[in-house]
């Protein structure tokens, strides 16, 4: 089993009188991580329950202090998987923390718009949040040699790094796992949130986004292509972000009037999800979108790496109206770091204007020779 980078961080956060929240897309390994944490805590008393269990729902939504107290009698740690299914979970956790302060609580959820909203306000100052992503190279490097990492790179670009995909025995099995994820889990939280019977609109929206990796996205153009309204498109893109399918970055601008900042760019948290959405599993060397695959992979892996290492940054792209461009810009501790993702050997033109205007900035090419320094 591949160990997760944040396991020790979560263990440290599981303290009596507090609530640790673990968010992440479905099938990223939250339940597996709970089992690993439980083994690490043995022989301490751990109670594990699931939010879809009706008895658990009845007890943890009761808002009755005596019921809650009896539920965790002699328990040191309470783990609640998929806690977003429990009504009033935030208020009940607050009651539990107030009345049984010797219990440490860990809850998981697959959608931040649901669980985070329910837990956040009642437990302000008493909860800490973690995010679990598809396996990061930061985690995979512990179980493979440098040569294996280099050999596995094409597969990572195509099939991504969901745990069950990485451990699948062959490419056919990897493809099947991604198709199961697409058809059964990927949009489940959004469909439950809006009571949608037909997921076709959301899939079509994701397909359009998949073809625009590294490009500015217009809500109006997406709405026109989908025969919808820009507000509807924007709302579903926000839901897709909150369910950890995609994430967005905006343009960076401080000093130049000709800097372009109006529209976002979107990336997938996992390359395999992007490819299964467009039903393309061809190898990188025969694809015309390998540049997009490389950019998505590097940008998403960088975000995972920074999140796990608790490196705070603001993320942007940079573009001017006269087509000067930088794929990724990080703002950290008052400095700007520009990165250009290049799969091939094409020469890179240094963005002299960016470096001239922003004196406290650097610029770097990220390619197959140095990408591990960028993402691990």
Protein backbone atom coordinates (compact mmCIF):
# COMPACT_ATOMS: atom_id res chain seq x y z
CA UNK A 1 0.00 0.00 0.00
CA UNK A 2 1.28 3.48 -0.89
CA UNK A 3 1.49 5.63 2.22
CA UNK A 4 -0.09 9.08 2.06
CA UNK A 5 1.99 12.17 2.69
CA UNK A 6 -0.46 13.79 5.10
CA UNK A 7 -1.02 10.76 7.34
CA UNK A 8 1.30 12.02 10.09
CA UNK A 9 -0.12 15.54 9.82
CA UNK A 10 -3.64 14.21 10.38
CA UNK A 11 -2.52 12.09 13.32
CA UNK A 12 -0.96 15.16 14.91
CA UNK A 13 -4.19 17.11 14.40
CA UNK A 14 -6.39 14.45 16.01
CA UNK A 15 -6.39 15.91 19.50
CA UNK A 16 -9.05 15.69 22.22
CA UNK A 17 -11.60 18.45 21.94
CA UNK A 18 -10.95 19.15 18.26
CA UNK A 19 -12.28 18.06 14.86
CA UNK A 20 -10.06 17.22 11.89
CA UNK A 21 -11.79 17.33 8.48
CA UNK A 22 -10.46 15.36 5.52
CA UNK A 23 -11.80 16.45 2.13
CA UNK A 24 -11.17 14.92 -1.26
CA UNK A 25 -12.77 13.63 -4.43
CA UNK A 26 -14.42 10.25 -4.37
CA UNK A 27 -12.03 7.31 -4.82
CA UNK A 28 -8.91 9.24 -3.84
CA UNK A 29 -8.34 6.94 -0.86
CA UNK A 30 -9.98 8.67 2.10
CA UNK A 31 -11.45 5.46 3.54
CA UNK A 32 -8.17 3.59 3.01
CA UNK A 33 -6.38 6.40 4.83
CA UNK A 34 -8.85 6.13 7.73
CA UNK A 35 -8.00 2.43 8.05
CA UNK A 36 -4.28 3.25 8.05
CA UNK A 37 -4.80 5.88 10.73
CA UNK A 38 -6.79 3.41 12.80
CA UNK A 39 -3.95 0.88 12.60
CA UNK A 40 -1.47 3.58 13.64
CA UNK A 41 -3.56 4.39 16.71
CA UNK A 42 -3.88 0.78 17.89
CA UNK A 43 -4.45 -0.27 20.64
CA UNK A 44 -6.22 2.99 21.48
CA UNK A 45 -10.00 2.89 21.29
CA UNK A 46 -11.17 4.03 17.84
CA UNK A 47 -14.79 4.00 16.70
CA UNK A 48 -15.35 4.14 12.92
CA UNK A 49 -18.80 4.88 11.48
CA UNK A 50 -20.17 5.81 8.06
CA UNK A 51 -22.38 8.80 7.35
CA UNK A 52 -24.76 6.80 5.16
CA UNK A 53 -25.58 4.37 7.97
CA UNK A 54 -29.09 5.20 9.19
CA UNK A 55 -28.36 4.47 12.85
CA UNK A 56 -25.29 6.70 12.71
CA UNK A 57 -27.37 9.43 11.07
CA UNK A 58 -30.03 9.19 13.76
CA UNK A 59 -27.55 9.44 16.62
CA UNK A 60 -25.21 12.07 15.19
CA UNK A 61 -28.07 14.31 14.07
CA UNK A 62 -29.99 14.05 17.36
CA UNK A 63 -28.67 17.25 19.01
CA UNK A 64 -29.20 15.47 22.34
CA UNK A 65 -26.16 15.66 24.57
CA UNK A 66 -26.91 12.48 26.52
CA UNK A 67 -27.38 10.46 23.31
CA UNK A 68 -24.09 11.77 21.94
CA UNK A 69 -22.28 11.11 25.22
CA UNK A 70 -23.46 7.49 25.35
CA UNK A 71 -22.48 7.01 21.71
CA UNK A 72 -18.79 7.66 22.41
CA UNK A 73 -18.48 6.20 25.90
CA UNK A 74 -14.94 4.84 26.40
CA UNK A 75 -13.98 6.05 22.91
CA UNK A 76 -10.77 8.02 22.39
CA UNK A 77 -11.11 8.63 18.65
CA UNK A 78 -14.25 8.92 16.54
CA UNK A 79 -13.90 8.56 12.75
CA UNK A 80 -16.92 9.51 10.61
CA UNK A 81 -16.56 8.65 6.92
CA UNK A 82 -18.71 10.62 4.42
CA UNK A 83 -20.02 12.85 7.19
CA UNK A 84 -21.83 15.15 4.74
CA UNK A 85 -24.77 12.73 4.74
CA UNK A 86 -25.53 13.42 8.41
CA UNK A 87 -28.06 16.24 9.01
CA UNK A 88 -26.81 19.08 11.22
CA UNK A 89 -23.42 17.40 11.48
CA UNK A 90 -21.63 20.65 12.39
CA UNK A 91 -23.86 21.52 15.33
CA UNK A 92 -23.82 17.95 16.63
CA UNK A 93 -20.02 17.79 16.44
CA UNK A 94 -19.89 21.03 18.41
CA UNK A 95 -22.17 19.51 21.05
CA UNK A 96 -20.01 16.40 21.11
CA UNK A 97 -16.80 18.40 21.53
CA UNK A 98 -18.39 20.53 24.26
CA UNK A 99 -19.83 17.64 26.26
CA UNK A 100 -17.14 14.97 25.69
CA UNK A 101 -13.93 16.99 25.33
CA UNK A 102 -11.68 13.94 25.74
CA UNK A 103 -12.64 12.56 22.29
CA UNK A 104 -10.68 13.39 19.14
CA UNK A 105 -12.85 13.48 16.00
CA UNK A 106 -11.95 12.97 12.35
CA UNK A 107 -14.58 13.36 9.62
CA UNK A 108 -14.27 12.91 5.86
CA UNK A 109 -16.27 14.35 2.99
CA UNK A 110 -16.12 14.17 -0.78
CA UNK A 111 -17.51 17.65 -1.43
CA UNK A 112 -16.40 20.86 0.21
CA UNK A 113 -19.66 22.73 -0.53
CA UNK A 114 -21.53 20.31 1.72
CA UNK A 115 -19.39 19.23 4.65
CA UNK A 116 -17.24 22.36 4.91
CA UNK A 117 -20.31 24.57 5.11
CA UNK A 118 -21.93 22.35 7.73
CA UNK A 119 -18.85 22.00 9.92
CA UNK A 120 -17.13 25.33 9.42
CA UNK A 121 -19.35 27.85 11.22
CA UNK A 122 -20.25 25.85 14.37
CA UNK A 123 -16.61 24.80 14.87
CA UNK A 124 -14.74 28.01 14.08
CA UNK A 125 -11.34 27.81 15.74
CA UNK A 126 -11.83 24.18 16.75
CA UNK A 127 -11.40 22.37 13.44
CA UNK A 128 -8.56 21.89 10.98
CA UNK A 129 -8.95 20.86 7.34
CA UNK A 130 -6.89 18.58 5.10
CA UNK A 131 -7.29 17.74 1.42
CA UNK A 132 -6.51 14.35 -0.10
CA UNK A 133 -5.79 14.36 -3.83
CA UNK A 134 -5.12 11.59 -6.33
CA UNK A 135 -1.68 10.16 -5.60
CA UNK A 136 1.03 12.79 -5.93
CA UNK A 137 4.45 12.04 -7.37
CA UNK A 138 5.64 13.16 -3.95
CA UNK A 139 4.02 9.97 -2.62
CA UNK A 140 4.74 7.67 -5.54
CA UNK A 141 8.49 8.33 -5.49
CA UNK A 142 8.72 6.45 -2.20
CA UNK A 143 7.76 3.19 -3.91
CA UNK A 144 9.59 3.46 -7.24
CA UNK A 145 13.12 4.07 -8.45
CA UNK A 146 14.11 7.07 -10.57
CA UNK A 147 14.21 4.85 -13.67
CA UNK A 148 10.72 3.53 -12.88
CA UNK A 149 9.48 7.09 -12.41
CA UNK A 150 10.85 8.07 -15.82
CA UNK A 151 9.36 4.98 -17.45
CA UNK A 152 5.99 5.58 -15.79
CA UNK A 153 5.72 9.22 -16.90
CA UNK A 154 3.82 8.53 -20.17
CA UNK A 155 1.26 6.47 -18.24
CA UNK A 156 0.86 9.23 -15.65
CA UNK A 157 0.12 11.71 -18.44
CA UNK A 158 -2.54 9.41 -19.90
CA UNK A 159 -4.05 7.49 -16.98
CA UNK A 160 -3.36 9.83 -14.08
CA UNK A 161 -2.80 8.73 -10.51
CA UNK A 162 -6.01 7.71 -8.78
CA UNK A 163 -4.95 4.92 -6.37
CA UNK A 164 -6.94 2.15 -8.06
CA UNK A 165 -5.62 3.26 -11.45
CA UNK A 166 -1.97 3.31 -10.36
CA UNK A 167 -2.25 -0.17 -8.84
CA UNK A 168 -4.17 -1.67 -11.81
CA UNK A 169 -2.17 -4.44 -13.48
CA UNK A 170 -2.27 -3.21 -17.09
CA UNK A 171 -3.45 -0.37 -19.30
CA UNK A 172 -6.75 -2.06 -20.07
CA UNK A 173 -7.49 -2.33 -16.35
CA UNK A 174 -6.45 1.31 -15.83
CA UNK A 175 -8.83 2.41 -18.56
CA UNK A 176 -11.64 0.36 -17.01
CA UNK A 177 -11.05 1.92 -13.59
CA UNK A 178 -11.26 5.41 -15.08
CA UNK A 179 -14.45 4.56 -16.95
CA UNK A 180 -15.97 3.25 -13.71
CA UNK A 181 -14.93 6.47 -11.98
CA UNK A 182 -16.45 8.59 -14.74
CA UNK A 183 -19.71 6.67 -14.90
CA UNK A 184 -20.26 5.97 -11.20
CA UNK A 185 -18.52 8.45 -8.93
CA UNK A 186 -17.14 11.56 -10.61
CA UNK A 187 -20.30 13.67 -10.63
CA UNK A 188 -22.23 11.95 -7.85
CA UNK A 189 -22.03 14.84 -5.38
CA UNK A 190 -23.10 17.42 -7.95
CA UNK A 191 -26.02 15.29 -9.11
CA UNK A 192 -27.13 14.72 -5.51
CA UNK A 193 -26.77 18.41 -4.73
CA UNK A 194 -29.01 19.53 -7.60
CA UNK A 195 -31.18 16.41 -7.92
CA UNK A 196 -30.19 16.17 -11.57
CA UNK A 197 -31.49 13.16 -13.45
CA UNK A 198 -29.34 13.74 -16.54
CA UNK A 199 -25.62 14.32 -16.20
CA UNK A 200 -25.14 15.00 -19.92
CA UNK A 201 -24.93 18.78 -19.49
CA UNK A 202 -22.15 18.51 -16.90
CA UNK A 203 -20.23 15.97 -18.98
CA UNK A 204 -20.48 18.17 -22.05
CA UNK A 205 -19.26 21.13 -20.01
CA UNK A 206 -16.30 19.09 -18.77
CA UNK A 207 -15.48 18.01 -22.33
CA UNK A 208 -15.30 21.62 -23.43
CA UNK A 209 -13.04 22.45 -20.49
CA UNK A 210 -10.85 19.42 -21.26
CA UNK A 211 -10.10 20.77 -24.73
CA UNK A 212 -9.19 24.21 -23.35
CA UNK A 213 -6.41 23.30 -20.91
CA UNK A 214 -3.94 26.17 -20.85
CA UNK A 215 -6.33 28.55 -22.60
CA UNK A 216 -8.59 31.31 -21.35
CA UNK A 217 -12.19 30.21 -20.84
CA UNK A 218 -15.17 32.37 -21.75
CA UNK A 219 -18.38 31.62 -19.85
CA UNK A 220 -20.39 33.19 -22.67
CA UNK A 221 -18.78 30.95 -25.30
CA UNK A 222 -19.31 27.85 -23.18
CA UNK A 223 -22.94 28.82 -22.61
CA UNK A 224 -23.47 29.32 -26.33
CA UNK A 225 -21.97 25.92 -27.14
CA UNK A 226 -24.19 24.26 -24.52
CA UNK A 227 -27.33 26.26 -25.32
CA UNK A 228 -27.32 27.53 -21.75
CA UNK A 229 -26.72 30.73 -19.76
CA UNK A 230 -23.30 32.01 -18.58
CA UNK A 231 -24.52 32.06 -14.96
CA UNK A 232 -25.50 28.39 -15.21
CA UNK A 233 -22.13 27.48 -16.70
CA UNK A 234 -20.29 29.40 -14.01
CA UNK A 235 -22.32 27.77 -11.25
CA UNK A 236 -21.54 24.25 -12.46
CA UNK A 237 -17.87 25.06 -12.87
CA UNK A 238 -17.86 26.23 -9.25
CA UNK A 239 -19.50 22.95 -8.20
CA UNK A 240 -16.92 20.99 -10.18
CA UNK A 241 -14.21 22.85 -8.29
CA UNK A 242 -15.86 22.18 -4.94
CA UNK A 243 -16.04 18.47 -5.72
CA UNK A 244 -12.32 18.46 -6.60
CA UNK A 245 -12.66 17.59 -10.28
CA UNK A 246 -11.11 20.80 -11.63
CA UNK A 247 -9.50 23.99 -10.35
CA UNK A 248 -9.12 27.46 -11.83
CA UNK A 249 -6.48 30.18 -11.99
CA UNK A 250 -6.88 33.83 -12.94
CA UNK A 251 -4.58 36.16 -14.84
CA UNK A 252 -1.95 38.12 -12.95
CA UNK A 253 -1.75 41.89 -13.26
CA UNK A 254 -0.19 44.65 -11.22
CA UNK A 255 1.61 47.20 -13.35
CA UNK A 256 0.96 46.81 -17.08
CA UNK A 257 -2.22 48.17 -18.64
CA UNK A 258 -2.03 45.58 -21.39
CA UNK A 259 -2.04 42.61 -19.02
CA UNK A 260 -5.05 40.34 -19.57
CA UNK A 261 -6.91 39.16 -16.46
CA UNK A 262 -10.59 38.87 -17.35
CA UNK A 263 -11.05 35.14 -17.87
CA UNK A 264 -9.99 32.06 -15.89
CA UNK A 265 -8.12 28.99 -16.99
CA UNK A 266 -9.12 25.54 -15.76
CA UNK A 267 -7.11 22.42 -15.02
CA UNK A 268 -8.07 18.91 -13.95
CA UNK A 269 -6.77 17.55 -10.67
CA UNK A 270 -6.01 14.32 -12.54
CA UNK A 271 -4.91 13.72 -16.13
CA UNK A 272 -6.72 10.40 -16.28
CA UNK A 273 -10.04 12.08 -15.53
CA UNK A 274 -9.38 14.61 -18.28
CA UNK A 275 -8.63 11.83 -20.78
CA UNK A 276 -11.57 9.61 -19.88
CA UNK A 277 -13.89 12.60 -20.30
CA UNK A 278 -12.72 12.99 -23.92
CA UNK A 279 -12.29 9.19 -24.41
CA UNK A 280 -8.69 9.47 -25.58
CA UNK A 281 -6.07 7.12 -24.15
CA UNK A 282 -3.59 7.32 -27.01
CA UNK A 283 0.09 7.47 -26.10
CA UNK A 284 1.71 10.90 -25.78
CA UNK A 285 3.94 10.44 -28.83
CA UNK A 286 0.96 10.20 -31.21
CA UNK A 287 -1.19 12.97 -29.73
CA UNK A 288 -1.54 16.56 -30.81
CA UNK A 289 -2.50 17.65 -27.28
CA UNK A 290 0.61 16.42 -25.46
CA UNK A 291 1.47 20.02 -24.59
CA UNK A 292 -1.84 20.34 -22.77
CA UNK A 293 -1.32 17.00 -21.02
CA UNK A 294 2.11 18.11 -19.85
CA UNK A 295 0.90 21.49 -18.63
CA UNK A 296 -2.05 19.96 -16.76
CA UNK A 297 0.18 17.33 -15.17
CA UNK A 298 2.86 19.77 -14.03
CA UNK A 299 0.43 22.39 -12.74
CA UNK A 300 -1.74 19.90 -10.82
CA UNK A 301 1.24 18.04 -9.35
CA UNK A 302 2.75 21.34 -8.25
CA UNK A 303 -0.49 22.31 -6.50
CA UNK A 304 -0.62 18.94 -4.72
CA UNK A 305 3.02 19.19 -3.68
CA UNK A 306 2.62 22.69 -2.28
CA UNK A 307 -0.58 21.77 -0.43
CA UNK A 308 0.96 18.70 1.21
CA UNK A 309 4.10 20.61 2.21
CA UNK A 310 2.01 23.50 3.58
CA UNK A 311 3.61 25.96 1.15
CA UNK A 312 1.22 28.86 0.79
CA UNK A 313 1.05 30.57 -2.61
CA UNK A 314 -1.27 32.48 -4.90
CA UNK A 315 -1.58 30.96 -8.37
CA UNK A 316 -2.00 32.77 -11.68
CA UNK A 317 -1.19 32.72 -15.36
CA UNK A 318 0.24 35.79 -17.12
CA UNK A 319 -0.75 37.07 -20.55
CA UNK A 320 -0.71 40.37 -22.37
CA UNK A 321 -2.95 41.56 -25.16
CA UNK A 322 -0.01 41.29 -27.56
CA UNK A 323 0.25 37.53 -26.80
CA UNK A 324 3.20 37.41 -24.42
CA UNK A 325 2.46 34.63 -21.97
CA UNK A 326 3.63 32.57 -18.97
CA UNK A 327 1.84 29.31 -18.13
CA UNK A 328 2.04 29.57 -14.35
CA UNK A 329 2.94 32.31 -11.90
CA UNK A 330 3.29 31.72 -8.16
CA UNK A 331 3.26 34.56 -5.68
CA UNK A 332 5.05 33.57 -2.48
CA UNK A 333 6.30 35.81 0.30
CA UNK A 334 6.29 38.89 -1.89
CA UNK A 335 8.13 37.26 -4.79
CA UNK A 336 6.91 36.13 -8.22
CA UNK A 337 7.97 32.84 -9.78
CA UNK A 338 7.12 32.23 -13.42
CA UNK A 339 7.09 28.76 -14.98
CA UNK A 340 6.70 27.63 -18.57
CA UNK A 341 5.82 23.97 -19.20
CA UNK A 342 7.50 22.47 -22.28
CA UNK A 343 7.22 18.83 -23.30
CA UNK A 344 9.36 19.16 -26.42
CA UNK A 345 12.76 20.67 -27.10
CA UNK A 346 11.56 23.94 -28.59
CA UNK A 347 13.58 26.96 -27.53
CA UNK A 348 11.97 29.18 -24.95
CA UNK A 349 11.84 32.94 -25.29
CA UNK A 350 12.49 34.69 -22.00
CA UNK A 351 9.60 37.03 -21.06
CA UNK A 352 11.80 40.11 -20.70
CA UNK A 353 8.85 42.42 -20.17
CA UNK A 354 7.61 40.42 -17.16
CA UNK A 355 11.06 40.27 -15.59
CA UNK A 356 11.62 43.96 -16.26
CA UNK A 357 8.35 45.17 -14.78
CA UNK A 358 8.40 42.80 -11.81
CA UNK A 359 11.91 43.20 -10.48
CA UNK A 360 11.51 40.67 -7.71
CA UNK A 361 10.67 37.78 -10.06
CA UNK A 362 12.22 34.69 -11.63
CA UNK A 363 11.40 32.56 -14.66
CA UNK A 364 12.02 28.86 -15.28
CA UNK A 365 11.35 26.24 -17.92
CA UNK A 366 9.82 22.98 -16.68
CA UNK A 367 10.54 20.02 -18.96
CA UNK A 368 11.19 16.28 -18.81
CA UNK A 369 14.69 16.85 -17.46
CA UNK A 370 13.87 18.96 -14.41
CA UNK A 371 10.16 18.43 -13.68
CA UNK A 372 10.77 16.26 -10.60
CA UNK A 373 12.43 19.21 -8.89
CA UNK A 374 9.25 21.17 -9.62
CA UNK A 375 6.71 18.64 -8.33
CA UNK A 376 8.45 16.79 -5.47
